[in-house]
Amino acid sequence: MANAILMARDFIGLSAMDLREDGKALPHPGSLPNKTQDDQTVMLVEVNVDDYQRRQDK
């Protein structure tokens, strides 16, 4: 699960950086679904895009 969270943060961070480079606005966070199937896990992943970009620029 920890690896999946790290991968999600990377994906979100890189996607946000691409949007910024293209001059597009970042989307607002989504909401959790009302219903899930028994075998699903749903998580919110927090990403500080400014901090992520600073770390990538080093």
PDB file of N, CA and C in Angstrom:
ATOM      1  N   MET A   1       0.839  -1.186   0.000  1.00  0.00           N
ATOM      2  CA  MET A   1       0.000   0.000   0.000  1.00  0.00           C
ATOM      3  C   MET A   1       0.888   1.256   0.000  1.00  0.00           C
ATOM      4  N   ALA A   2       1.979   1.236   0.783  1.00  0.00           N
ATOM      5  CA  ALA A   2       2.856   2.410   0.850  1.00  0.00           C
ATOM      6  C   ALA A   2       3.455   2.718  -0.520  1.00  0.00           C
ATOM      7  N   ASN A   3       3.830   1.685  -1.264  1.00  0.00           N
ATOM      8  CA  ASN A   3       4.388   1.897  -2.594  1.00  0.00           C
ATOM      9  C   ASN A   3       3.340   2.482  -3.544  1.00  0.00           C
ATOM     10  N   ALA A   4       2.112   2.031  -3.427  1.00  0.00           N
ATOM     11  CA  ALA A   4       1.036   2.565  -4.268  1.00  0.00           C
ATOM     12  C   ALA A   4       0.809   4.044  -3.985  1.00  0.00           C
ATOM     13  N   ILE A   5       0.908   4.450  -2.726  1.00  0.00           N
ATOM     14  CA  ILE A   5       0.735   5.862  -2.374  1.00  0.00           C
ATOM     15  C   ILE A   5       1.866   6.693  -2.961  1.00  0.00           C
ATOM     16  N   LEU A   6       3.106   6.202  -2.870  1.00  0.00           N
ATOM     17  CA  LEU A   6       4.245   6.927  -3.458  1.00  0.00           C
ATOM     18  C   LEU A   6       4.083   7.063  -4.968  1.00  0.00           C
ATOM     19  N   MET A   7       3.640   5.998  -5.610  1.00  0.00           N
ATOM     20  CA  MET A   7       3.431   6.050  -7.058  1.00  0.00           C
ATOM     21  C   MET A   7       2.318   7.024  -7.422  1.00  0.00           C
ATOM     22  N   ALA A   8       1.264   7.066  -6.626  1.00  0.00           N
ATOM     23  CA  ALA A   8       0.165   8.002  -6.884  1.00  0.00           C
ATOM     24  C   ALA A   8       0.647   9.439  -6.726  1.00  0.00           C
ATOM     25  N   ARG A   9       1.452   9.706  -5.689  1.00  0.00           N
ATOM     26  CA  ARG A   9       1.978  11.059  -5.495  1.00  0.00           C
ATOM     27  C   ARG A   9       2.857  11.475  -6.674  1.00  0.00           C
ATOM     28  N   ASP A  10       3.694  10.563  -7.153  1.00  0.00           N
ATOM     29  CA  ASP A  10       4.528  10.875  -8.314  1.00  0.00           C
ATOM     30  C   ASP A  10       3.680  11.180  -9.541  1.00  0.00           C
ATOM     31  N   PHE A  11       2.672  10.356  -9.772  1.00  0.00           N
ATOM     32  CA  PHE A  11       1.809  10.572 -10.929  1.00  0.00           C
ATOM     33  C   PHE A  11       1.102  11.922 -10.842  1.00  0.00           C
ATOM     34  N   ILE A  12       0.541  12.213  -9.681  1.00  0.00           N
ATOM     35  CA  ILE A  12      -0.179  13.479  -9.498  1.00  0.00           C
ATOM     36  C   ILE A  12       0.790  14.654  -9.622  1.00  0.00           C
ATOM     37  N   GLY A  13       1.961  14.549  -8.982  1.00  0.00           N
ATOM     38  CA  GLY A  13       2.939  15.627  -9.044  1.00  0.00           C
ATOM     39  C   GLY A  13       3.417  15.892 -10.452  1.00  0.00           C
ATOM     40  N   LEU A  14       3.767  14.844 -11.184  1.00  0.00           N
ATOM     41  CA  LEU A  14       4.233  15.016 -12.563  1.00  0.00           C
ATOM     42  C   LEU A  14       3.126  15.554 -13.466  1.00  0.00           C
ATOM     43  N   SER A  15       1.911  15.066 -13.268  1.00  0.00           N
ATOM     44  CA  SER A  15       0.777  15.564 -14.063  1.00  0.00           C
ATOM     45  C   SER A  15       0.534  17.043 -13.791  1.00  0.00           C
ATOM     46  N   ALA A  16       0.646  17.447 -12.527  1.00  0.00           N
ATOM     47  CA  ALA A  16       0.451  18.858 -12.175  1.00  0.00           C
ATOM     48  C   ALA A  16       1.541  19.723 -12.789  1.00  0.00           C
ATOM     49  N   MET A  17       2.779  19.232 -12.770  1.00  0.00           N
ATOM     50  CA  MET A  17       3.872  19.988 -13.381  1.00  0.00           C
ATOM     51  C   MET A  17       3.640  20.164 -14.881  1.00  0.00           C
ATOM     52  N   ASP A  18       3.172  19.116 -15.548  1.00  0.00           N
ATOM     53  CA  ASP A  18       2.856  19.210 -16.981  1.00  0.00           C
ATOM     54  C   ASP A  18       1.764  20.238 -17.244  1.00  0.00           C
ATOM     55  N   LEU A  19       0.712  20.222 -16.414  1.00  0.00           N
ATOM     56  CA  LEU A  19      -0.364  21.196 -16.587  1.00  0.00           C
ATOM     57  C   LEU A  19       0.163  22.619 -16.435  1.00  0.00           C
ATOM     58  N   ARG A  20       0.983  22.840 -15.418  1.00  0.00           N
ATOM     59  CA  ARG A  20       1.548  24.175 -15.198  1.00  0.00           C
ATOM     60  C   ARG A  20       2.411  24.611 -16.380  1.00  0.00           C
ATOM     61  N   GLU A  21       3.239  23.699 -16.889  1.00  0.00           N
ATOM     62  CA  GLU A  21       4.090  24.035 -18.034  1.00  0.00           C
ATOM     63  C   GLU A  21       3.259  24.411 -19.252  1.00  0.00           C
ATOM     64  N   ASP A  22       2.088  23.805 -19.379  1.00  0.00           N
ATOM     65  CA  ASP A  22       1.185  24.110 -20.495  1.00  0.00           C
ATOM     66  C   ASP A  22       0.313  25.328 -20.225  1.00  0.00           C
ATOM     67  N   GLY A  23       0.489  25.962 -19.056  1.00  0.00           N
ATOM     68  CA  GLY A  23      -0.293  27.146 -18.708  1.00  0.00           C
ATOM     69  C   GLY A  23      -1.727  26.839 -18.311  1.00  0.00           C
ATOM     70  N   LYS A  24      -1.996  25.618 -17.927  1.00  0.00           N
ATOM     71  CA  LYS A  24      -3.356  25.226 -17.551  1.00  0.00           C
ATOM     72  C   LYS A  24      -3.500  25.220 -16.032  1.00  0.00           C
ATOM     73  N   ALA A  25      -4.705  25.426 -15.579  1.00  0.00           N
ATOM     74  CA  ALA A  25      -4.994  25.421 -14.139  1.00  0.00           C
ATOM     75  C   ALA A  25      -5.039  23.997 -13.609  1.00  0.00           C
ATOM     76  N   LEU A  26      -4.663  23.864 -12.352  1.00  0.00           N
ATOM     77  CA  LEU A  26      -4.753  22.565 -11.700  1.00  0.00           C
ATOM     78  C   LEU A  26      -6.207  22.282 -11.343  1.00  0.00           C
ATOM     79  N   PRO A  27      -6.664  21.049 -11.514  1.00  0.00           N
ATOM     80  CA  PRO A  27      -8.051  20.730 -11.162  1.00  0.00           C
ATOM     81  C   PRO A  27      -8.235  20.732  -9.649  1.00  0.00           C
ATOM     82  N   HIS A  28      -9.451  20.937  -9.229  1.00  0.00           N
ATOM     83  CA  HIS A  28      -9.779  20.852  -7.805  1.00  0.00           C
ATOM     84  C   HIS A  28      -9.813  19.386  -7.389  1.00  0.00           C
ATOM     85  N   PRO A  29      -9.513  19.099  -6.143  1.00  0.00           N
ATOM     86  CA  PRO A  29      -9.565  17.702  -5.683  1.00  0.00           C
ATOM     87  C   PRO A  29     -10.956  17.113  -5.879  1.00  0.00           C
ATOM     88  N   GLY A  30     -10.993  15.840  -6.162  1.00  0.00           N
ATOM     89  CA  GLY A  30     -12.257  15.145  -6.338  1.00  0.00           C
ATOM     90  C   GLY A  30     -12.806  14.681  -5.003  1.00  0.00           C
ATOM     91  N   SER A  31     -13.931  14.039  -5.059  1.00  0.00           N
ATOM     92  CA  SER A  31     -14.533  13.504  -3.841  1.00  0.00           C
ATOM     93  C   SER A  31     -14.498  11.980  -3.904  1.00  0.00           C
ATOM     94  N   LEU A  32     -14.667  11.376  -2.757  1.00  0.00           N
ATOM     95  CA  LEU A  32     -14.704   9.922  -2.698  1.00  0.00           C
ATOM     96  C   LEU A  32     -16.024   9.417  -3.254  1.00  0.00           C
ATOM     97  N   PRO A  33     -15.994   8.245  -3.884  1.00  0.00           N
ATOM     98  CA  PRO A  33     -17.262   7.690  -4.389  1.00  0.00           C
ATOM     99  C   PRO A  33     -18.180   7.310  -3.226  1.00  0.00           C
ATOM    100  N   ASN A  34     -19.473   7.375  -3.482  1.00  0.00           N
ATOM    101  CA  ASN A  34     -20.453   7.014  -2.453  1.00  0.00           C
ATOM    102  C   ASN A  34     -20.466   5.518  -2.179  1.00  0.00           C
ATOM    103  N   LYS A  35     -20.190   4.726  -3.203  1.00  0.00           N
ATOM    104  CA  LYS A  35     -20.242   3.277  -3.054  1.00  0.00           C
ATOM    105  C   LYS A  35     -18.974   2.675  -3.632  1.00  0.00           C
ATOM    106  N   THR A  36     -18.510   1.609  -3.016  1.00  0.00           N
ATOM    107  CA  THR A  36     -17.392   0.838  -3.550  1.00  0.00           C
ATOM    108  C   THR A  36     -17.757  -0.634  -3.502  1.00  0.00           C
ATOM    109  N   GLN A  37     -17.040  -1.418  -4.262  1.00  0.00           N
ATOM    110  CA  GLN A  37     -17.221  -2.863  -4.212  1.00  0.00           C
ATOM    111  C   GLN A  37     -16.447  -3.403  -3.019  1.00  0.00           C
ATOM    112  N   ASP A  38     -16.769  -4.596  -2.600  1.00  0.00           N
ATOM    113  CA  ASP A  38     -16.151  -5.183  -1.407  1.00  0.00           C
ATOM    114  C   ASP A  38     -14.638  -5.285  -1.509  1.00  0.00           C
ATOM    115  N   ASP A  39     -14.095  -5.496  -2.696  1.00  0.00           N
ATOM    116  CA  ASP A  39     -12.656  -5.706  -2.835  1.00  0.00           C
ATOM    117  C   ASP A  39     -11.894  -4.418  -3.166  1.00  0.00           C
ATOM    118  N   GLN A  40     -12.527  -3.268  -3.098  1.00  0.00           N
ATOM    119  CA  GLN A  40     -11.880  -2.006  -3.435  1.00  0.00           C
ATOM    120  C   GLN A  40     -11.385  -1.276  -2.187  1.00  0.00           C
ATOM    121  N   THR A  41     -10.270  -0.573  -2.373  1.00  0.00           N
ATOM    122  CA  THR A  41      -9.760   0.324  -1.352  1.00  0.00           C
ATOM    123  C   THR A  41      -9.699   1.707  -1.978  1.00  0.00           C
ATOM    124  N   VAL A  42     -10.231   2.695  -1.303  1.00  0.00           N
ATOM    125  CA  VAL A  42     -10.249   4.064  -1.805  1.00  0.00           C
ATOM    126  C   VAL A  42      -9.493   4.928  -0.812  1.00  0.00           C
ATOM    127  N   MET A  43      -8.554   5.734  -1.326  1.00  0.00           N
ATOM    128  CA  MET A  43      -7.766   6.614  -0.464  1.00  0.00           C
ATOM    129  C   MET A  43      -7.648   7.981  -1.096  1.00  0.00           C
ATOM    130  N   LEU A  44      -7.557   8.994  -0.255  1.00  0.00           N
ATOM    131  CA  LEU A  44      -7.188  10.316  -0.718  1.00  0.00           C
ATOM    132  C   LEU A  44      -5.674  10.426  -0.593  1.00  0.00           C
ATOM    133  N   VAL A  45      -5.022  11.010  -1.600  1.00  0.00           N
ATOM    134  CA  VAL A  45      -3.574  11.171  -1.587  1.00  0.00           C
ATOM    135  C   VAL A  45      -3.271  12.658  -1.634  1.00  0.00           C
ATOM    136  N   GLU A  46      -2.581  13.142  -0.621  1.00  0.00           N
ATOM    137  CA  GLU A  46      -2.231  14.559  -0.538  1.00  0.00           C
ATOM    138  C   GLU A  46      -0.897  14.802  -1.243  1.00  0.00           C
ATOM    139  N   VAL A  47      -0.870  15.848  -2.079  1.00  0.00           N
ATOM    140  CA  VAL A  47       0.357  16.220  -2.772  1.00  0.00           C
ATOM    141  C   VAL A  47       0.501  17.733  -2.707  1.00  0.00           C
ATOM    142  N   ASN A  48       1.609  18.200  -2.159  1.00  0.00           N
ATOM    143  CA  ASN A  48       1.944  19.616  -2.189  1.00  0.00           C
ATOM    144  C   ASN A  48       2.715  19.836  -3.488  1.00  0.00           C
ATOM    145  N   VAL A  49       2.048  20.377  -4.497  1.00  0.00           N
ATOM    146  CA  VAL A  49       2.627  20.475  -5.837  1.00  0.00           C
ATOM    147  C   VAL A  49       3.845  21.395  -5.843  1.00  0.00           C
ATOM    148  N   ASP A  50       3.801  22.497  -5.099  1.00  0.00           N
ATOM    149  CA  ASP A  50       4.952  23.396  -5.055  1.00  0.00           C
ATOM    150  C   ASP A  50       6.172  22.688  -4.478  1.00  0.00           C
ATOM    151  N   ASP A  51       5.986  21.968  -3.386  1.00  0.00           N
ATOM    152  CA  ASP A  51       7.080  21.226  -2.762  1.00  0.00           C
ATOM    153  C   ASP A  51       7.578  20.123  -3.691  1.00  0.00           C
ATOM    154  N   TYR A  52       6.665  19.431  -4.344  1.00  0.00           N
ATOM    155  CA  TYR A  52       7.038  18.368  -5.273  1.00  0.00           C
ATOM    156  C   TYR A  52       7.909  18.932  -6.398  1.00  0.00           C
ATOM    157  N   GLN A  53       7.500  20.069  -6.950  1.00  0.00           N
ATOM    158  CA  GLN A  53       8.258  20.656  -8.056  1.00  0.00           C
ATOM    159  C   GLN A  53       9.643  21.102  -7.582  1.00  0.00           C
ATOM    160  N   ARG A  54       9.736  21.688  -6.390  1.00  0.00           N
ATOM    161  CA  ARG A  54      11.049  22.089  -5.855  1.00  0.00           C
ATOM    162  C   ARG A  54      11.978  20.880  -5.745  1.00  0.00           C
ATOM    163  N   ARG A  55      11.458  19.772  -5.259  1.00  0.00           N
ATOM    164  CA  ARG A  55      12.285  18.561  -5.114  1.00  0.00           C
ATOM    165  C   ARG A  55      12.708  18.007  -6.478  1.00  0.00           C
ATOM    166  N   GLN A  56      11.852  18.124  -7.487  1.00  0.00           N
ATOM    167  CA  GLN A  56      12.201  17.630  -8.814  1.00  0.00           C
ATOM    168  C   GLN A  56      13.202  18.542  -9.509  1.00  0.00           C
ATOM    169  N   ASP A  57      13.189  19.818  -9.188  1.00  0.00           N
ATOM    170  CA  ASP A  57      14.083  20.788  -9.836  1.00  0.00           C
ATOM    171  C   ASP A  57      15.506  20.717  -9.312  1.00  0.00           C
ATOM    172  N   LYS A  58      15.733  20.009  -8.204  1.00  0.00           N
ATOM    173  CA  LYS A  58      17.088  19.929  -7.631  1.00  0.00           C
ATOM    174  C   LYS A  58      18.003  19.078  -8.476  1.00  0.00           C
TER     175      LYS A  58
END
